[in-house]
Amino acid sequence: MDFFSISTPQLKRLPYKQISDVVNKSFTTFVEKKIENRKLCKDTSSLENVIDVMIYRLYELTYDKVKVVDPEVGELIGKNEYEKFSLISASS
């Protein structure tokens, strides 16, 4: 098995977004739900899909760009719903 290795300088060059405490709480809520469901051997795919959309919106990807990265997104969320998706209200 091959293992991926990344150095600190490489890591520092990766693009990342600064997020507010409110958005951080929203991400944390979904990740904690996913972890809890996985411990209970429950399906986590719907939570994973929401987290994916949250990340796409965080990086301000357009719906059309998301479809290139994730061709199945159209089965999960429509363009209008995607464009209205709010990171802040995702966990409410």
PDB file of N, CA and C in Angstrom:
ATOM      1  N   MET A   1       0.844  -1.169   0.000  1.00  0.00           N
ATOM      2  CA  MET A   1       0.000   0.000   0.000  1.00  0.00           C
ATOM      3  C   MET A   1       0.892   1.235   0.000  1.00  0.00           C
ATOM      4  N   ASP A   2       0.591   2.199  -0.873  1.00  0.00           N
ATOM      5  CA  ASP A   2       1.332   3.451  -0.920  1.00  0.00           C
ATOM      6  C   ASP A   2       0.688   4.461   0.017  1.00  0.00           C
ATOM      7  N   PHE A   3       1.519   5.244   0.652  1.00  0.00           N
ATOM      8  CA  PHE A   3       1.030   6.287   1.538  1.00  0.00           C
ATOM      9  C   PHE A   3       1.400   7.645   0.961  1.00  0.00           C
ATOM     10  N   PHE A   4       0.493   8.558   1.076  1.00  0.00           N
ATOM     11  CA  PHE A   4       0.703   9.918   0.589  1.00  0.00           C
ATOM     12  C   PHE A   4       1.425  10.714   1.657  1.00  0.00           C
ATOM     13  N   SER A   5       2.417  11.466   1.247  1.00  0.00           N
ATOM     14  CA  SER A   5       3.166  12.288   2.191  1.00  0.00           C
ATOM     15  C   SER A   5       3.186  13.722   1.686  1.00  0.00           C
ATOM     16  N   ILE A   6       2.982  14.655   2.599  1.00  0.00           N
ATOM     17  CA  ILE A   6       3.023  16.061   2.230  1.00  0.00           C
ATOM     18  C   ILE A   6       3.838  16.811   3.277  1.00  0.00           C
ATOM     19  N   SER A   7       4.678  17.688   2.801  1.00  0.00           N
ATOM     20  CA  SER A   7       5.526  18.457   3.711  1.00  0.00           C
ATOM     21  C   SER A   7       4.799  19.723   4.166  1.00  0.00           C
ATOM     22  N   THR A   8       5.306  20.327   5.216  1.00  0.00           N
ATOM     23  CA  THR A   8       4.713  21.562   5.733  1.00  0.00           C
ATOM     24  C   THR A   8       4.714  22.668   4.675  1.00  0.00           C
ATOM     25  N   PRO A   9       5.807  22.889   3.959  1.00  0.00           N
ATOM     26  CA  PRO A   9       5.772  23.930   2.920  1.00  0.00           C
ATOM     27  C   PRO A   9       4.715  23.646   1.840  1.00  0.00           C
ATOM     28  N   GLN A  10       4.558  22.382   1.471  1.00  0.00           N
ATOM     29  CA  GLN A  10       3.528  22.029   0.480  1.00  0.00           C
ATOM     30  C   GLN A  10       2.138  22.306   1.047  1.00  0.00           C
ATOM     31  N   LEU A  11       1.950  21.952   2.292  1.00  0.00           N
ATOM     32  CA  LEU A  11       0.666  22.155   2.940  1.00  0.00           C
ATOM     33  C   LEU A  11       0.307  23.637   3.007  1.00  0.00           C
ATOM     34  N   LYS A  12       1.286  24.464   3.276  1.00  0.00           N
ATOM     35  CA  LYS A  12       1.051  25.908   3.375  1.00  0.00           C
ATOM     36  C   LYS A  12       0.658  26.522   2.032  1.00  0.00           C
ATOM     37  N   ARG A  13       0.977  25.869   0.936  1.00  0.00           N
ATOM     38  CA  ARG A  13       0.629  26.388  -0.388  1.00  0.00           C
ATOM     39  C   ARG A  13      -0.787  25.996  -0.826  1.00  0.00           C
ATOM     40  N   LEU A  14      -1.417  25.097  -0.096  1.00  0.00           N
ATOM     41  CA  LEU A  14      -2.767  24.677  -0.459  1.00  0.00           C
ATOM     42  C   LEU A  14      -3.758  25.812  -0.216  1.00  0.00           C
ATOM     43  N   PRO A  15      -4.703  25.993  -1.139  1.00  0.00           N
ATOM     44  CA  PRO A  15      -5.699  27.051  -0.934  1.00  0.00           C
ATOM     45  C   PRO A  15      -6.699  26.627   0.141  1.00  0.00           C
ATOM     46  N   TYR A  16      -7.000  27.524   1.020  1.00  0.00           N
ATOM     47  CA  TYR A  16      -8.025  27.243   2.009  1.00  0.00           C
ATOM     48  C   TYR A  16      -8.766  28.533   2.301  1.00  0.00           C
ATOM     49  N   LYS A  17      -9.955  28.382   2.772  1.00  0.00           N
ATOM     50  CA  LYS A  17     -10.810  29.528   3.069  1.00  0.00           C
ATOM     51  C   LYS A  17     -10.857  29.756   4.570  1.00  0.00           C
ATOM     52  N   GLN A  18     -10.759  30.999   4.953  1.00  0.00           N
ATOM     53  CA  GLN A  18     -11.030  31.365   6.331  1.00  0.00           C
ATOM     54  C   GLN A  18     -12.555  31.359   6.470  1.00  0.00           C
ATOM     55  N   ILE A  19     -13.051  30.770   7.537  1.00  0.00           N
ATOM     56  CA  ILE A  19     -14.498  30.721   7.714  1.00  0.00           C
ATOM     57  C   ILE A  19     -14.886  31.301   9.064  1.00  0.00           C
ATOM     58  N   SER A  20     -16.095  31.794   9.105  1.00  0.00           N
ATOM     59  CA  SER A  20     -16.601  32.372  10.350  1.00  0.00           C
ATOM     60  C   SER A  20     -16.920  31.261  11.342  1.00  0.00           C
ATOM     61  N   ASP A  21     -17.095  31.642  12.585  1.00  0.00           N
ATOM     62  CA  ASP A  21     -17.478  30.679  13.619  1.00  0.00           C
ATOM     63  C   ASP A  21     -18.818  30.029  13.302  1.00  0.00           C
ATOM     64  N   VAL A  22     -19.724  30.803  12.705  1.00  0.00           N
ATOM     65  CA  VAL A  22     -21.057  30.274  12.370  1.00  0.00           C
ATOM     66  C   VAL A  22     -20.948  29.190  11.299  1.00  0.00           C
ATOM     67  N   VAL A  23     -20.163  29.451  10.271  1.00  0.00           N
ATOM     68  CA  VAL A  23     -19.973  28.462   9.199  1.00  0.00           C
ATOM     69  C   VAL A  23     -19.218  27.256   9.745  1.00  0.00           C
ATOM     70  N   ASN A  24     -18.230  27.487  10.590  1.00  0.00           N
ATOM     71  CA  ASN A  24     -17.487  26.392  11.216  1.00  0.00           C
ATOM     72  C   ASN A  24     -18.425  25.498  12.022  1.00  0.00           C
ATOM     73  N   LYS A  25     -19.332  26.118  12.754  1.00  0.00           N
ATOM     74  CA  LYS A  25     -20.301  25.346  13.542  1.00  0.00           C
ATOM     75  C   LYS A  25     -21.190  24.493  12.634  1.00  0.00           C
ATOM     76  N   SER A  26     -21.572  25.046  11.497  1.00  0.00           N
ATOM     77  CA  SER A  26     -22.399  24.302  10.554  1.00  0.00           C
ATOM     78  C   SER A  26     -21.653  23.065  10.041  1.00  0.00           C
ATOM     79  N   PHE A  27     -20.396  23.236   9.631  1.00  0.00           N
ATOM     80  CA  PHE A  27     -19.592  22.102   9.184  1.00  0.00           C
ATOM     81  C   PHE A  27     -19.434  21.081  10.310  1.00  0.00           C
ATOM     82  N   THR A  28     -19.105  21.582  11.488  1.00  0.00           N
ATOM     83  CA  THR A  28     -18.890  20.701  12.637  1.00  0.00           C
ATOM     84  C   THR A  28     -20.130  19.874  12.938  1.00  0.00           C
ATOM     85  N   THR A  29     -21.287  20.483  12.871  1.00  0.00           N
ATOM     86  CA  THR A  29     -22.545  19.771  13.135  1.00  0.00           C
ATOM     87  C   THR A  29     -22.704  18.587  12.191  1.00  0.00           C
ATOM     88  N   PHE A  30     -22.486  18.814  10.898  1.00  0.00           N
ATOM     89  CA  PHE A  30     -22.658  17.726   9.936  1.00  0.00           C
ATOM     90  C   PHE A  30     -21.591  16.651  10.080  1.00  0.00           C
ATOM     91  N   VAL A  31     -20.360  17.044  10.332  1.00  0.00           N
ATOM     92  CA  VAL A  31     -19.291  16.051  10.499  1.00  0.00           C
ATOM     93  C   VAL A  31     -19.536  15.208  11.745  1.00  0.00           C
ATOM     94  N   GLU A  32     -19.966  15.842  12.832  1.00  0.00           N
ATOM     95  CA  GLU A  32     -20.260  15.086  14.050  1.00  0.00           C
ATOM     96  C   GLU A  32     -21.426  14.116  13.839  1.00  0.00           C
ATOM     97  N   LYS A  33     -22.459  14.552  13.100  1.00  0.00           N
ATOM     98  CA  LYS A  33     -23.578  13.654  12.789  1.00  0.00           C
ATOM     99  C   LYS A  33     -23.092  12.469  11.968  1.00  0.00           C
ATOM    100  N   LYS A  34     -22.213  12.745  11.008  1.00  0.00           N
ATOM    101  CA  LYS A  34     -21.689  11.668  10.164  1.00  0.00           C
ATOM    102  C   LYS A  34     -20.896  10.670  11.006  1.00  0.00           C
ATOM    103  N   ILE A  35     -20.040  11.170  11.881  1.00  0.00           N
ATOM    104  CA  ILE A  35     -19.238  10.290  12.736  1.00  0.00           C
ATOM    105  C   ILE A  35     -20.141   9.438  13.626  1.00  0.00           C
ATOM    106  N   GLU A  36     -21.132  10.063  14.218  1.00  0.00           N
ATOM    107  CA  GLU A  36     -22.065   9.329  15.091  1.00  0.00           C
ATOM    108  C   GLU A  36     -22.821   8.258  14.311  1.00  0.00           C
ATOM    109  N   ASN A  37     -23.315   8.593  13.135  1.00  0.00           N
ATOM    110  CA  ASN A  37     -24.036   7.614  12.319  1.00  0.00           C
ATOM    111  C   ASN A  37     -23.134   6.465  11.890  1.00  0.00           C
ATOM    112  N   ARG A  38     -21.896   6.783  11.564  1.00  0.00           N
ATOM    113  CA  ARG A  38     -20.957   5.725  11.168  1.00  0.00           C
ATOM    114  C   ARG A  38     -20.710   4.775  12.329  1.00  0.00           C
ATOM    115  N   LYS A  39     -20.583   5.317  13.550  1.00  0.00           N
ATOM    116  CA  LYS A  39     -20.401   4.470  14.734  1.00  0.00           C
ATOM    117  C   LYS A  39     -21.583   3.537  14.932  1.00  0.00           C
ATOM    118  N   LEU A  40     -22.778   4.011  14.549  1.00  0.00           N
ATOM    119  CA  LEU A  40     -24.001   3.213  14.694  1.00  0.00           C
ATOM    120  C   LEU A  40     -24.286   2.367  13.456  1.00  0.00           C
ATOM    121  N   CYS A  41     -23.316   2.321  12.543  1.00  0.00           N
ATOM    122  CA  CYS A  41     -23.435   1.568  11.284  1.00  0.00           C
ATOM    123  C   CYS A  41     -24.640   2.025  10.457  1.00  0.00           C
ATOM    124  N   LYS A  42     -24.937   3.309  10.524  1.00  0.00           N
ATOM    125  CA  LYS A  42     -26.019   3.885   9.723  1.00  0.00           C
ATOM    126  C   LYS A  42     -25.439   4.460   8.442  1.00  0.00           C
ATOM    127  N   ASP A  43     -26.294   4.570   7.425  1.00  0.00           N
ATOM    128  CA  ASP A  43     -25.901   5.154   6.150  1.00  0.00           C
ATOM    129  C   ASP A  43     -25.554   6.628   6.348  1.00  0.00           C
ATOM    130  N   THR A  44     -24.407   7.044   5.844  1.00  0.00           N
ATOM    131  CA  THR A  44     -23.972   8.440   5.984  1.00  0.00           C
ATOM    132  C   THR A  44     -23.952   9.178   4.647  1.00  0.00           C
ATOM    133  N   SER A  45     -24.446   8.546   3.604  1.00  0.00           N
ATOM    134  CA  SER A  45     -24.333   9.151   2.272  1.00  0.00           C
ATOM    135  C   SER A  45     -25.048  10.495   2.166  1.00  0.00           C
ATOM    136  N   SER A  46     -26.207  10.652   2.783  1.00  0.00           N
ATOM    137  CA  SER A  46     -26.900  11.945   2.674  1.00  0.00           C
ATOM    138  C   SER A  46     -26.128  13.038   3.400  1.00  0.00           C
ATOM    139  N   LEU A  47     -25.525  12.710   4.533  1.00  0.00           N
ATOM    140  CA  LEU A  47     -24.701  13.691   5.243  1.00  0.00           C
ATOM    141  C   LEU A  47     -23.452  14.028   4.433  1.00  0.00           C
ATOM    142  N   GLU A  48     -22.856  13.028   3.812  1.00  0.00           N
ATOM    143  CA  GLU A  48     -21.675  13.265   2.980  1.00  0.00           C
ATOM    144  C   GLU A  48     -22.025  14.165   1.804  1.00  0.00           C
ATOM    145  N   ASN A  49     -23.210  13.976   1.230  1.00  0.00           N
ATOM    146  CA  ASN A  49     -23.644  14.811   0.111  1.00  0.00           C
ATOM    147  C   ASN A  49     -23.807  16.264   0.540  1.00  0.00           C
ATOM    148  N   VAL A  50     -24.380  16.482   1.720  1.00  0.00           N
ATOM    149  CA  VAL A  50     -24.543  17.850   2.224  1.00  0.00           C
ATOM    150  C   VAL A  50     -23.176  18.479   2.471  1.00  0.00           C
ATOM    151  N   ILE A  51     -22.272  17.735   3.060  1.00  0.00           N
ATOM    152  CA  ILE A  51     -20.926  18.249   3.323  1.00  0.00           C
ATOM    153  C   ILE A  51     -20.238  18.604   2.005  1.00  0.00           C
ATOM    154  N   ASP A  52     -20.398  17.758   0.986  1.00  0.00           N
ATOM    155  CA  ASP A  52     -19.818  18.060  -0.332  1.00  0.00           C
ATOM    156  C   ASP A  52     -20.350  19.388  -0.864  1.00  0.00           C
ATOM    157  N   VAL A  53     -21.670  19.572  -0.810  1.00  0.00           N
ATOM    158  CA  VAL A  53     -22.279  20.812  -1.312  1.00  0.00           C
ATOM    159  C   VAL A  53     -21.787  22.003  -0.489  1.00  0.00           C
ATOM    160  N   MET A  54     -21.646  21.825   0.802  1.00  0.00           N
ATOM    161  CA  MET A  54     -21.135  22.900   1.654  1.00  0.00           C
ATOM    162  C   MET A  54     -19.727  23.313   1.210  1.00  0.00           C
ATOM    163  N   ILE A  55     -18.902  22.345   0.888  1.00  0.00           N
ATOM    164  CA  ILE A  55     -17.538  22.644   0.445  1.00  0.00           C
ATOM    165  C   ILE A  55     -17.555  23.340  -0.912  1.00  0.00           C
ATOM    166  N   TYR A  56     -18.402  22.867  -1.830  1.00  0.00           N
ATOM    167  CA  TYR A  56     -18.504  23.513  -3.138  1.00  0.00           C
ATOM    168  C   TYR A  56     -18.920  24.973  -2.985  1.00  0.00           C
ATOM    169  N   ARG A  57     -19.897  25.217  -2.109  1.00  0.00           N
ATOM    170  CA  ARG A  57     -20.372  26.587  -1.890  1.00  0.00           C
ATOM    171  C   ARG A  57     -19.303  27.417  -1.182  1.00  0.00           C
ATOM    172  N   LEU A  58     -18.584  26.821  -0.241  1.00  0.00           N
ATOM    173  CA  LEU A  58     -17.518  27.526   0.465  1.00  0.00           C
ATOM    174  C   LEU A  58     -16.488  28.071  -0.525  1.00  0.00           C
ATOM    175  N   TYR A  59     -16.133  27.258  -1.505  1.00  0.00           N
ATOM    176  CA  TYR A  59     -15.147  27.668  -2.498  1.00  0.00           C
ATOM    177  C   TYR A  59     -15.784  28.372  -3.691  1.00  0.00           C
ATOM    178  N   GLU A  60     -17.062  28.717  -3.554  1.00  0.00           N
ATOM    179  CA  GLU A  60     -17.794  29.515  -4.525  1.00  0.00           C
ATOM    180  C   GLU A  60     -17.772  28.921  -5.932  1.00  0.00           C
ATOM    181  N   LEU A  61     -17.858  27.590  -6.001  1.00  0.00           N
ATOM    182  CA  LEU A  61     -17.936  26.937  -7.304  1.00  0.00           C
ATOM    183  C   LEU A  61     -19.330  27.116  -7.882  1.00  0.00           C
ATOM    184  N   THR A  62     -19.407  27.400  -9.159  1.00  0.00           N
ATOM    185  CA  THR A  62     -20.705  27.473  -9.808  1.00  0.00           C
ATOM    186  C   THR A  62     -21.255  26.064  -9.953  1.00  0.00           C
ATOM    187  N   TYR A  63     -22.549  25.975 -10.151  1.00  0.00           N
ATOM    188  CA  TYR A  63     -23.191  24.672 -10.321  1.00  0.00           C
ATOM    189  C   TYR A  63     -22.577  23.928 -11.506  1.00  0.00           C
ATOM    190  N   ASP A  64     -22.317  24.655 -12.590  1.00  0.00           N
ATOM    191  CA  ASP A  64     -21.742  24.010 -13.778  1.00  0.00           C
ATOM    192  C   ASP A  64     -20.333  23.479 -13.511  1.00  0.00           C
ATOM    193  N   LYS A  65     -19.548  24.193 -12.715  1.00  0.00           N
ATOM    194  CA  LYS A  65     -18.207  23.703 -12.361  1.00  0.00           C
ATOM    195  C   LYS A  65     -18.304  22.494 -11.440  1.00  0.00           C
ATOM    196  N   VAL A  66     -19.276  22.508 -10.536  1.00  0.00           N
ATOM    197  CA  VAL A  66     -19.469  21.362  -9.640  1.00  0.00           C
ATOM    198  C   VAL A  66     -19.812  20.123 -10.445  1.00  0.00           C
ATOM    199  N   LYS A  67     -20.626  20.288 -11.483  1.00  0.00           N
ATOM    200  CA  LYS A  67     -21.007  19.137 -12.310  1.00  0.00           C
ATOM    201  C   LYS A  67     -19.802  18.523 -13.017  1.00  0.00           C
ATOM    202  N   VAL A  68     -18.765  19.313 -13.262  1.00  0.00           N
ATOM    203  CA  VAL A  68     -17.541  18.775 -13.851  1.00  0.00           C
ATOM    204  C   VAL A  68     -16.799  17.946 -12.810  1.00  0.00           C
ATOM    205  N   VAL A  69     -16.708  18.481 -11.593  1.00  0.00           N
ATOM    206  CA  VAL A  69     -16.010  17.802 -10.503  1.00  0.00           C
ATOM    207  C   VAL A  69     -16.799  16.597 -10.006  1.00  0.00           C
ATOM    208  N   ASP A  70     -18.114  16.764  -9.909  1.00  0.00           N
ATOM    209  CA  ASP A  70     -19.006  15.744  -9.347  1.00  0.00           C
ATOM    210  C   ASP A  70     -20.216  15.582 -10.269  1.00  0.00           C
ATOM    211  N   PRO A  71     -20.074  14.787 -11.333  1.00  0.00           N
ATOM    212  CA  PRO A  71     -21.150  14.657 -12.316  1.00  0.00           C
ATOM    213  C   PRO A  71     -22.486  14.183 -11.733  1.00  0.00           C
ATOM    214  N   GLU A  72     -22.458  13.531 -10.596  1.00  0.00           N
ATOM    215  CA  GLU A  72     -23.689  13.021  -9.994  1.00  0.00           C
ATOM    216  C   GLU A  72     -24.438  14.070  -9.182  1.00  0.00           C
ATOM    217  N   VAL A  73     -23.880  15.268  -9.052  1.00  0.00           N
ATOM    218  CA  VAL A  73     -24.509  16.291  -8.221  1.00  0.00           C
ATOM    219  C   VAL A  73     -25.916  16.625  -8.711  1.00  0.00           C
ATOM    220  N   GLY A  74     -26.144  16.528 -10.003  1.00  0.00           N
ATOM    221  CA  GLY A  74     -27.462  16.814 -10.563  1.00  0.00           C
ATOM    222  C   GLY A  74     -28.543  15.890 -10.034  1.00  0.00           C
ATOM    223  N   GLU A  75     -28.156  14.697  -9.603  1.00  0.00           N
ATOM    224  CA  GLU A  75     -29.116  13.755  -9.022  1.00  0.00           C
ATOM    225  C   GLU A  75     -29.433  14.118  -7.573  1.00  0.00           C
ATOM    226  N   LEU A  76     -28.584  14.918  -6.959  1.00  0.00           N
ATOM    227  CA  LEU A  76     -28.728  15.250  -5.542  1.00  0.00           C
ATOM    228  C   LEU A  76     -29.376  16.601  -5.305  1.00  0.00           C
ATOM    229  N   ILE A  77     -29.029  17.553  -6.151  1.00  0.00           N
ATOM    230  CA  ILE A  77     -29.496  18.924  -5.933  1.00  0.00           C
ATOM    231  C   ILE A  77     -29.603  19.635  -7.281  1.00  0.00           C
ATOM    232  N   GLY A  78     -30.691  20.352  -7.475  1.00  0.00           N
ATOM    233  CA  GLY A  78     -30.885  21.110  -8.705  1.00  0.00           C
ATOM    234  C   GLY A  78     -30.128  22.424  -8.664  1.00  0.00           C
ATOM    235  N   LYS A  79     -29.984  23.050  -9.827  1.00  0.00           N
ATOM    236  CA  LYS A  79     -29.223  24.293  -9.931  1.00  0.00           C
ATOM    237  C   LYS A  79     -29.796  25.394  -9.044  1.00  0.00           C
ATOM    238  N   ASN A  80     -31.109  25.597  -9.063  1.00  0.00           N
ATOM    239  CA  ASN A  80     -31.717  26.654  -8.242  1.00  0.00           C
ATOM    240  C   ASN A  80     -31.510  26.397  -6.761  1.00  0.00           C
ATOM    241  N   GLU A  81     -31.716  25.150  -6.352  1.00  0.00           N
ATOM    242  CA  GLU A  81     -31.520  24.794  -4.943  1.00  0.00           C
ATOM    243  C   GLU A  81     -30.055  24.996  -4.538  1.00  0.00           C
ATOM    244  N   TYR A  82     -29.137  24.609  -5.426  1.00  0.00           N
ATOM    245  CA  TYR A  82     -27.708  24.778  -5.156  1.00  0.00           C
ATOM    246  C   TYR A  82     -27.363  26.252  -4.959  1.00  0.00           C
ATOM    247  N   GLU A  83     -27.864  27.082  -5.848  1.00  0.00           N
ATOM    248  CA  GLU A  83     -27.544  28.514  -5.786  1.00  0.00           C
ATOM    249  C   GLU A  83     -28.136  29.179  -4.556  1.00  0.00           C
ATOM    250  N   LYS A  84     -29.218  28.637  -4.006  1.00  0.00           N
ATOM    251  CA  LYS A  84     -29.833  29.195  -2.810  1.00  0.00           C
ATOM    252  C   LYS A  84     -29.263  28.593  -1.524  1.00  0.00           C
ATOM    253  N   PHE A  85     -28.477  27.539  -1.645  1.00  0.00           N
ATOM    254  CA  PHE A  85     -27.942  26.829  -0.488  1.00  0.00           C
ATOM    255  C   PHE A  85     -27.074  27.768   0.336  1.00  0.00           C
ATOM    256  N   SER A  86     -27.329  27.841   1.611  1.00  0.00           N
ATOM    257  CA  SER A  86     -26.596  28.726   2.510  1.00  0.00           C
ATOM    258  C   SER A  86     -25.789  27.917   3.517  1.00  0.00           C
ATOM    259  N   LEU A  87     -24.512  28.224   3.614  1.00  0.00           N
ATOM    260  CA  LEU A  87     -23.670  27.552   4.607  1.00  0.00           C
ATOM    261  C   LEU A  87     -24.127  27.842   6.018  1.00  0.00           C
ATOM    262  N   ILE A  88     -24.636  29.015   6.231  1.00  0.00           N
ATOM    263  CA  ILE A  88     -25.039  29.420   7.574  1.00  0.00           C
ATOM    264  C   ILE A  88     -26.293  28.681   8.028  1.00  0.00           C
ATOM    265  N   SER A  89     -27.237  28.510   7.134  1.00  0.00           N
ATOM    266  CA  SER A  89     -28.500  27.854   7.537  1.00  0.00           C
ATOM    267  C   SER A  89     -28.488  26.354   7.288  1.00  0.00           C
ATOM    268  N   ALA A  90     -27.391  25.803   6.804  1.00  0.00           N
ATOM    269  CA  ALA A  90     -27.347  24.374   6.475  1.00  0.00           C
ATOM    270  C   ALA A  90     -27.641  23.478   7.663  1.00  0.00           C
ATOM    271  N   SER A  91     -27.181  23.853   8.831  1.00  0.00           N
ATOM    272  CA  SER A  91     -27.353  22.979   9.991  1.00  0.00           C
ATOM    273  C   SER A  91     -28.645  23.243  10.751  1.00  0.00           C
ATOM    274  N   SER A  92     -29.406  24.274  10.358  1.00  0.00           N
ATOM    275  CA  SER A  92     -30.631  24.548  11.101  1.00  0.00           C
ATOM    276  C   SER A  92     -31.802  23.761  10.580  1.00  0.00           C
TER     277      SER A  92
END
